[in-house]
Amino acid sequence: MTREALDLVQRLQQVHGPLMFHQSGGCCDGSSPMCFPAGDFRTGDADILLGTFGLPDGTGLPFWMSREQFEYWKHTHLTLDVVDGRGSGFSVEAPEGKRFLIRSRLMDPR
């Protein structure tokens, strides 16, 4: 996660409480990471937990993705970032005039 993404996450937590991410698979807002209040997006057997960001306040921020999409992305390093602009109306950062995005690069096979 970039510093800018962390700053926005911390501001959003003050408004929405604990948060979670789910990497969109192409519906609604392309393939953007979607940020929700924790538990507002229901994950299931078709989703996997990629990991949990440890935040400075000691809380964790889970990041989910569908298993099917993970098969395409499993050889990439993903970085959560934020840019100016409006993303999907479903993700909590939309009213802030910001949108989260993923920057990716292939993993070094060594």
N, C-alpha and C. Protein backbone atom coordinates (compact mmCIF):
# COMPACT_ATOMS: atom_id res chain seq x y z
N MET A 1 0.85 -1.16 0.00
CA MET A 1 0.00 0.00 0.00
C MET A 1 0.90 1.23 0.00
N THR A 2 0.54 2.18 -0.86
CA THR A 2 1.31 3.43 -0.87
C THR A 2 0.94 4.29 0.34
N ARG A 3 1.77 5.24 0.64
CA ARG A 3 1.50 6.18 1.74
C ARG A 3 0.19 6.92 1.50
N GLU A 4 -0.06 7.33 0.25
CA GLU A 4 -1.29 8.04 -0.08
C GLU A 4 -2.52 7.17 0.16
N ALA A 5 -2.43 5.89 -0.20
CA ALA A 5 -3.55 4.97 0.05
C ALA A 5 -3.76 4.80 1.54
N LEU A 6 -2.69 4.65 2.30
CA LEU A 6 -2.81 4.50 3.75
C LEU A 6 -3.46 5.73 4.37
N ASP A 7 -3.05 6.92 3.95
CA ASP A 7 -3.64 8.15 4.48
C ASP A 7 -5.15 8.19 4.23
N LEU A 8 -5.56 7.81 3.03
CA LEU A 8 -6.99 7.81 2.71
C LEU A 8 -7.73 6.74 3.51
N VAL A 9 -7.15 5.57 3.63
CA VAL A 9 -7.77 4.50 4.42
C VAL A 9 -8.00 4.98 5.86
N GLN A 10 -7.01 5.64 6.43
CA GLN A 10 -7.14 6.11 7.81
C GLN A 10 -8.25 7.16 7.94
N ARG A 11 -8.38 8.05 6.96
CA ARG A 11 -9.46 9.04 6.99
C ARG A 11 -10.82 8.35 6.84
N LEU A 12 -10.89 7.36 5.95
CA LEU A 12 -12.15 6.65 5.73
C LEU A 12 -12.56 5.84 6.95
N GLN A 13 -11.60 5.29 7.67
CA GLN A 13 -11.92 4.54 8.88
C GLN A 13 -12.55 5.43 9.95
N GLN A 14 -12.17 6.69 9.98
CA GLN A 14 -12.76 7.61 10.95
C GLN A 14 -14.25 7.81 10.68
N VAL A 15 -14.66 7.69 9.43
CA VAL A 15 -16.05 7.87 9.05
C VAL A 15 -16.83 6.54 9.09
N HIS A 16 -16.22 5.47 8.55
CA HIS A 16 -16.92 4.21 8.32
C HIS A 16 -16.57 3.09 9.30
N GLY A 17 -15.57 3.29 10.14
CA GLY A 17 -15.12 2.22 11.02
C GLY A 17 -14.22 1.26 10.26
N PRO A 18 -14.06 0.03 10.76
CA PRO A 18 -13.19 -0.95 10.09
C PRO A 18 -13.61 -1.16 8.63
N LEU A 19 -12.60 -1.34 7.78
CA LEU A 19 -12.83 -1.48 6.35
C LEU A 19 -12.32 -2.82 5.83
N MET A 20 -12.69 -3.11 4.59
CA MET A 20 -12.18 -4.29 3.87
C MET A 20 -12.08 -3.91 2.39
N PHE A 21 -11.27 -4.65 1.66
CA PHE A 21 -11.16 -4.49 0.20
C PHE A 21 -11.54 -5.79 -0.48
N HIS A 22 -12.16 -5.64 -1.66
CA HIS A 22 -12.37 -6.77 -2.55
C HIS A 22 -11.98 -6.29 -3.94
N GLN A 23 -11.09 -7.02 -4.58
CA GLN A 23 -10.65 -6.66 -5.92
C GLN A 23 -11.75 -7.02 -6.90
N SER A 24 -12.32 -5.99 -7.51
CA SER A 24 -13.41 -6.19 -8.47
C SER A 24 -12.91 -7.01 -9.65
N GLY A 25 -13.75 -7.87 -10.12
CA GLY A 25 -13.38 -8.74 -11.24
C GLY A 25 -13.84 -8.25 -12.59
N GLY A 26 -14.16 -6.98 -12.71
CA GLY A 26 -14.54 -6.45 -14.01
C GLY A 26 -15.96 -5.92 -14.05
N CYS A 27 -16.77 -6.25 -13.09
CA CYS A 27 -18.14 -5.74 -13.03
C CYS A 27 -18.12 -4.38 -12.37
N CYS A 28 -19.02 -3.56 -12.70
CA CYS A 28 -19.28 -2.27 -12.05
C CYS A 28 -18.20 -1.23 -12.30
N ASP A 29 -16.97 -1.48 -11.95
CA ASP A 29 -15.92 -0.46 -12.09
C ASP A 29 -14.64 -1.07 -12.64
N GLY A 30 -14.77 -1.83 -13.70
CA GLY A 30 -13.59 -2.44 -14.29
C GLY A 30 -12.99 -3.45 -13.35
N SER A 31 -11.71 -3.31 -13.07
CA SER A 31 -11.07 -4.23 -12.13
C SER A 31 -10.40 -3.41 -11.03
N SER A 32 -11.18 -2.59 -10.39
CA SER A 32 -10.67 -1.72 -9.33
C SER A 32 -10.83 -2.38 -7.97
N PRO A 33 -9.94 -2.05 -7.04
CA PRO A 33 -10.14 -2.51 -5.67
C PRO A 33 -11.30 -1.71 -5.07
N MET A 34 -12.24 -2.41 -4.52
CA MET A 34 -13.43 -1.78 -3.94
C MET A 34 -13.29 -1.81 -2.42
N CYS A 35 -13.51 -0.68 -1.78
CA CYS A 35 -13.38 -0.54 -0.33
C CYS A 35 -14.76 -0.43 0.30
N PHE A 36 -15.01 -1.27 1.29
CA PHE A 36 -16.31 -1.33 1.95
C PHE A 36 -16.13 -1.32 3.47
N PRO A 37 -17.16 -0.87 4.19
CA PRO A 37 -17.12 -1.12 5.63
C PRO A 37 -17.03 -2.63 5.85
N ALA A 38 -16.22 -3.04 6.81
CA ALA A 38 -16.01 -4.47 7.05
C ALA A 38 -17.35 -5.19 7.18
N GLY A 39 -17.50 -6.26 6.41
CA GLY A 39 -18.71 -7.06 6.44
C GLY A 39 -19.79 -6.64 5.47
N ASP A 40 -19.68 -5.46 4.86
CA ASP A 40 -20.71 -5.02 3.92
C ASP A 40 -20.64 -5.75 2.57
N PHE A 41 -19.49 -6.30 2.24
CA PHE A 41 -19.36 -7.12 1.04
C PHE A 41 -19.22 -8.55 1.53
N ARG A 42 -20.12 -9.39 1.12
CA ARG A 42 -20.09 -10.78 1.58
C ARG A 42 -19.16 -11.60 0.71
N THR A 43 -18.15 -12.16 1.35
CA THR A 43 -17.25 -13.06 0.65
C THR A 43 -17.77 -14.48 0.83
N GLY A 44 -17.33 -15.36 -0.07
CA GLY A 44 -17.78 -16.74 0.00
C GLY A 44 -16.71 -17.69 -0.47
N ASP A 45 -17.12 -18.91 -0.80
CA ASP A 45 -16.18 -19.94 -1.24
C ASP A 45 -15.45 -19.56 -2.53
N ALA A 46 -16.01 -18.67 -3.31
CA ALA A 46 -15.39 -18.26 -4.57
C ALA A 46 -14.33 -17.19 -4.37
N ASP A 47 -14.13 -16.73 -3.12
CA ASP A 47 -13.17 -15.67 -2.82
C ASP A 47 -12.03 -16.20 -1.97
N ILE A 48 -10.87 -15.55 -2.11
CA ILE A 48 -9.73 -15.89 -1.26
C ILE A 48 -9.21 -14.62 -0.60
N LEU A 49 -8.72 -14.77 0.60
CA LEU A 49 -8.10 -13.67 1.31
C LEU A 49 -6.64 -13.61 0.88
N LEU A 50 -6.27 -12.55 0.14
CA LEU A 50 -4.89 -12.40 -0.31
C LEU A 50 -3.97 -12.06 0.85
N GLY A 51 -4.48 -11.30 1.78
CA GLY A 51 -3.68 -10.90 2.93
C GLY A 51 -4.38 -9.82 3.70
N THR A 52 -3.74 -9.40 4.77
CA THR A 52 -4.28 -8.35 5.62
C THR A 52 -3.20 -7.30 5.83
N PHE A 53 -3.54 -6.06 5.49
CA PHE A 53 -2.62 -4.96 5.76
C PHE A 53 -2.64 -4.68 7.25
N GLY A 54 -1.48 -4.62 7.88
CA GLY A 54 -1.39 -4.18 9.27
C GLY A 54 -1.35 -2.67 9.28
N LEU A 55 -2.29 -2.05 9.96
CA LEU A 55 -2.38 -0.59 10.00
C LEU A 55 -1.71 -0.05 11.26
N PRO A 56 -1.29 1.22 11.22
CA PRO A 56 -0.58 1.80 12.37
C PRO A 56 -1.35 1.74 13.68
N ASP A 57 -2.70 1.72 13.61
CA ASP A 57 -3.49 1.68 14.85
C ASP A 57 -3.63 0.27 15.40
N GLY A 58 -2.97 -0.70 14.76
CA GLY A 58 -3.00 -2.08 15.22
C GLY A 58 -4.12 -2.92 14.63
N THR A 59 -4.99 -2.31 13.84
CA THR A 59 -6.07 -3.07 13.21
C THR A 59 -5.57 -3.69 11.91
N GLY A 60 -6.35 -4.61 11.39
CA GLY A 60 -6.02 -5.24 10.12
C GLY A 60 -7.03 -4.85 9.05
N LEU A 61 -6.57 -4.78 7.83
CA LEU A 61 -7.41 -4.42 6.70
C LEU A 61 -7.35 -5.57 5.69
N PRO A 62 -8.36 -6.44 5.67
CA PRO A 62 -8.32 -7.60 4.77
C PRO A 62 -8.51 -7.20 3.31
N PHE A 63 -7.82 -7.95 2.43
CA PHE A 63 -7.90 -7.72 0.99
C PHE A 63 -8.27 -9.04 0.32
N TRP A 64 -9.43 -9.07 -0.31
CA TRP A 64 -9.99 -10.27 -0.93
C TRP A 64 -9.99 -10.18 -2.45
N MET A 65 -10.04 -11.34 -3.09
CA MET A 65 -10.13 -11.43 -4.56
C MET A 65 -10.82 -12.76 -4.89
N SER A 66 -11.50 -12.79 -6.01
CA SER A 66 -12.12 -14.06 -6.41
C SER A 66 -11.03 -15.05 -6.79
N ARG A 67 -11.28 -16.33 -6.53
CA ARG A 67 -10.31 -17.38 -6.88
C ARG A 67 -10.02 -17.38 -8.37
N GLU A 68 -11.04 -17.19 -9.16
CA GLU A 68 -10.88 -17.19 -10.61
C GLU A 68 -9.94 -16.07 -11.06
N GLN A 69 -10.14 -14.87 -10.53
CA GLN A 69 -9.28 -13.75 -10.90
C GLN A 69 -7.86 -13.98 -10.39
N PHE A 70 -7.72 -14.56 -9.20
CA PHE A 70 -6.41 -14.83 -8.63
C PHE A 70 -5.58 -15.71 -9.58
N GLU A 71 -6.20 -16.63 -10.28
CA GLU A 71 -5.47 -17.48 -11.22
C GLU A 71 -4.77 -16.66 -12.29
N TYR A 72 -5.36 -15.54 -12.68
CA TYR A 72 -4.74 -14.65 -13.68
C TYR A 72 -3.65 -13.78 -13.06
N TRP A 73 -3.79 -13.43 -11.79
CA TRP A 73 -2.91 -12.46 -11.16
C TRP A 73 -1.90 -13.08 -10.21
N LYS A 74 -1.88 -14.38 -10.06
CA LYS A 74 -1.05 -14.98 -9.01
C LYS A 74 0.45 -14.80 -9.22
N HIS A 75 0.89 -14.39 -10.37
CA HIS A 75 2.31 -14.17 -10.64
C HIS A 75 2.68 -12.68 -10.62
N THR A 76 1.80 -11.86 -10.01
CA THR A 76 2.06 -10.43 -9.98
C THR A 76 2.18 -9.92 -8.55
N HIS A 77 2.96 -8.87 -8.41
CA HIS A 77 3.07 -8.13 -7.16
C HIS A 77 2.05 -6.99 -7.26
N LEU A 78 1.16 -6.88 -6.29
CA LEU A 78 0.11 -5.88 -6.32
C LEU A 78 0.38 -4.80 -5.28
N THR A 79 0.19 -3.55 -5.68
CA THR A 79 0.33 -2.42 -4.78
C THR A 79 -0.96 -1.61 -4.81
N LEU A 80 -1.56 -1.39 -3.64
CA LEU A 80 -2.75 -0.58 -3.53
C LEU A 80 -2.34 0.88 -3.54
N ASP A 81 -2.93 1.66 -4.45
CA ASP A 81 -2.62 3.07 -4.58
C ASP A 81 -3.93 3.84 -4.68
N VAL A 82 -3.85 5.15 -4.72
CA VAL A 82 -5.02 6.01 -4.86
C VAL A 82 -4.66 7.16 -5.80
N VAL A 83 -5.64 7.58 -6.60
CA VAL A 83 -5.45 8.70 -7.52
C VAL A 83 -6.69 9.60 -7.45
N ASP A 84 -6.56 10.81 -7.96
CA ASP A 84 -7.71 11.69 -8.07
C ASP A 84 -8.67 11.15 -9.12
N GLY A 85 -9.94 11.38 -8.91
CA GLY A 85 -10.96 10.95 -9.86
C GLY A 85 -12.01 10.11 -9.16
N ARG A 86 -13.15 10.01 -9.76
CA ARG A 86 -14.24 9.24 -9.15
C ARG A 86 -14.24 7.84 -9.68
N GLY A 87 -14.28 6.90 -8.76
CA GLY A 87 -14.42 5.50 -9.13
C GLY A 87 -15.88 5.11 -9.04
N SER A 88 -16.12 3.90 -8.63
CA SER A 88 -17.47 3.38 -8.51
C SER A 88 -18.19 4.01 -7.34
N GLY A 89 -19.49 4.16 -7.47
CA GLY A 89 -20.30 4.66 -6.38
C GLY A 89 -20.42 3.67 -5.24
N PHE A 90 -20.00 2.41 -5.44
CA PHE A 90 -20.11 1.40 -4.39
C PHE A 90 -18.95 1.45 -3.40
N SER A 91 -17.82 1.98 -3.80
CA SER A 91 -16.63 2.00 -2.97
C SER A 91 -16.64 3.28 -2.13
N VAL A 92 -16.29 3.17 -0.84
CA VAL A 92 -16.48 4.29 0.09
C VAL A 92 -15.64 5.52 -0.19
N GLU A 93 -14.61 5.42 -1.02
CA GLU A 93 -13.79 6.60 -1.30
C GLU A 93 -14.40 7.49 -2.38
N ALA A 94 -15.42 7.03 -3.09
CA ALA A 94 -15.99 7.77 -4.22
C ALA A 94 -16.38 9.21 -3.86
N PRO A 95 -17.04 9.47 -2.74
CA PRO A 95 -17.40 10.87 -2.42
C PRO A 95 -16.20 11.77 -2.13
N GLU A 96 -15.03 11.18 -1.92
CA GLU A 96 -13.83 11.96 -1.62
C GLU A 96 -13.16 12.52 -2.88
N GLY A 97 -13.68 12.15 -4.06
CA GLY A 97 -13.03 12.57 -5.30
C GLY A 97 -11.75 11.81 -5.58
N LYS A 98 -11.64 10.64 -4.98
CA LYS A 98 -10.46 9.77 -5.12
C LYS A 98 -10.95 8.39 -5.57
N ARG A 99 -10.01 7.60 -6.07
CA ARG A 99 -10.33 6.21 -6.35
C ARG A 99 -9.09 5.36 -6.11
N PHE A 100 -9.34 4.20 -5.50
CA PHE A 100 -8.25 3.26 -5.30
C PHE A 100 -7.98 2.56 -6.62
N LEU A 101 -6.73 2.16 -6.81
CA LEU A 101 -6.37 1.36 -7.97
C LEU A 101 -5.23 0.44 -7.59
N ILE A 102 -5.04 -0.56 -8.42
CA ILE A 102 -3.95 -1.52 -8.22
C ILE A 102 -2.87 -1.26 -9.25
N ARG A 103 -1.67 -1.18 -8.78
CA ARG A 103 -0.50 -1.15 -9.67
C ARG A 103 0.12 -2.53 -9.57
N SER A 104 0.43 -3.11 -10.71
CA SER A 104 0.95 -4.48 -10.69
C SER A 104 2.20 -4.60 -11.52
N ARG A 105 2.99 -5.57 -11.14
CA ARG A 105 4.19 -5.93 -11.92
C ARG A 105 4.40 -7.43 -11.74
N LEU A 106 5.02 -8.03 -12.72
CA LEU A 106 5.30 -9.46 -12.62
C LEU A 106 6.27 -9.73 -11.49
N MET A 107 6.04 -10.82 -10.79
CA MET A 107 6.95 -11.23 -9.73
C MET A 107 8.27 -11.68 -10.34
N ASP A 108 9.35 -11.40 -9.65
CA ASP A 108 10.67 -11.86 -10.08
C ASP A 108 10.73 -13.37 -9.84
N PRO A 109 10.95 -14.18 -10.88
CA PRO A 109 10.93 -15.65 -10.71
C PRO A 109 12.09 -16.19 -9.88
N ARG A 110 13.08 -15.36 -9.55
CA ARG A 110 14.22 -15.84 -8.77
C ARG A 110 13.91 -16.02 -7.35
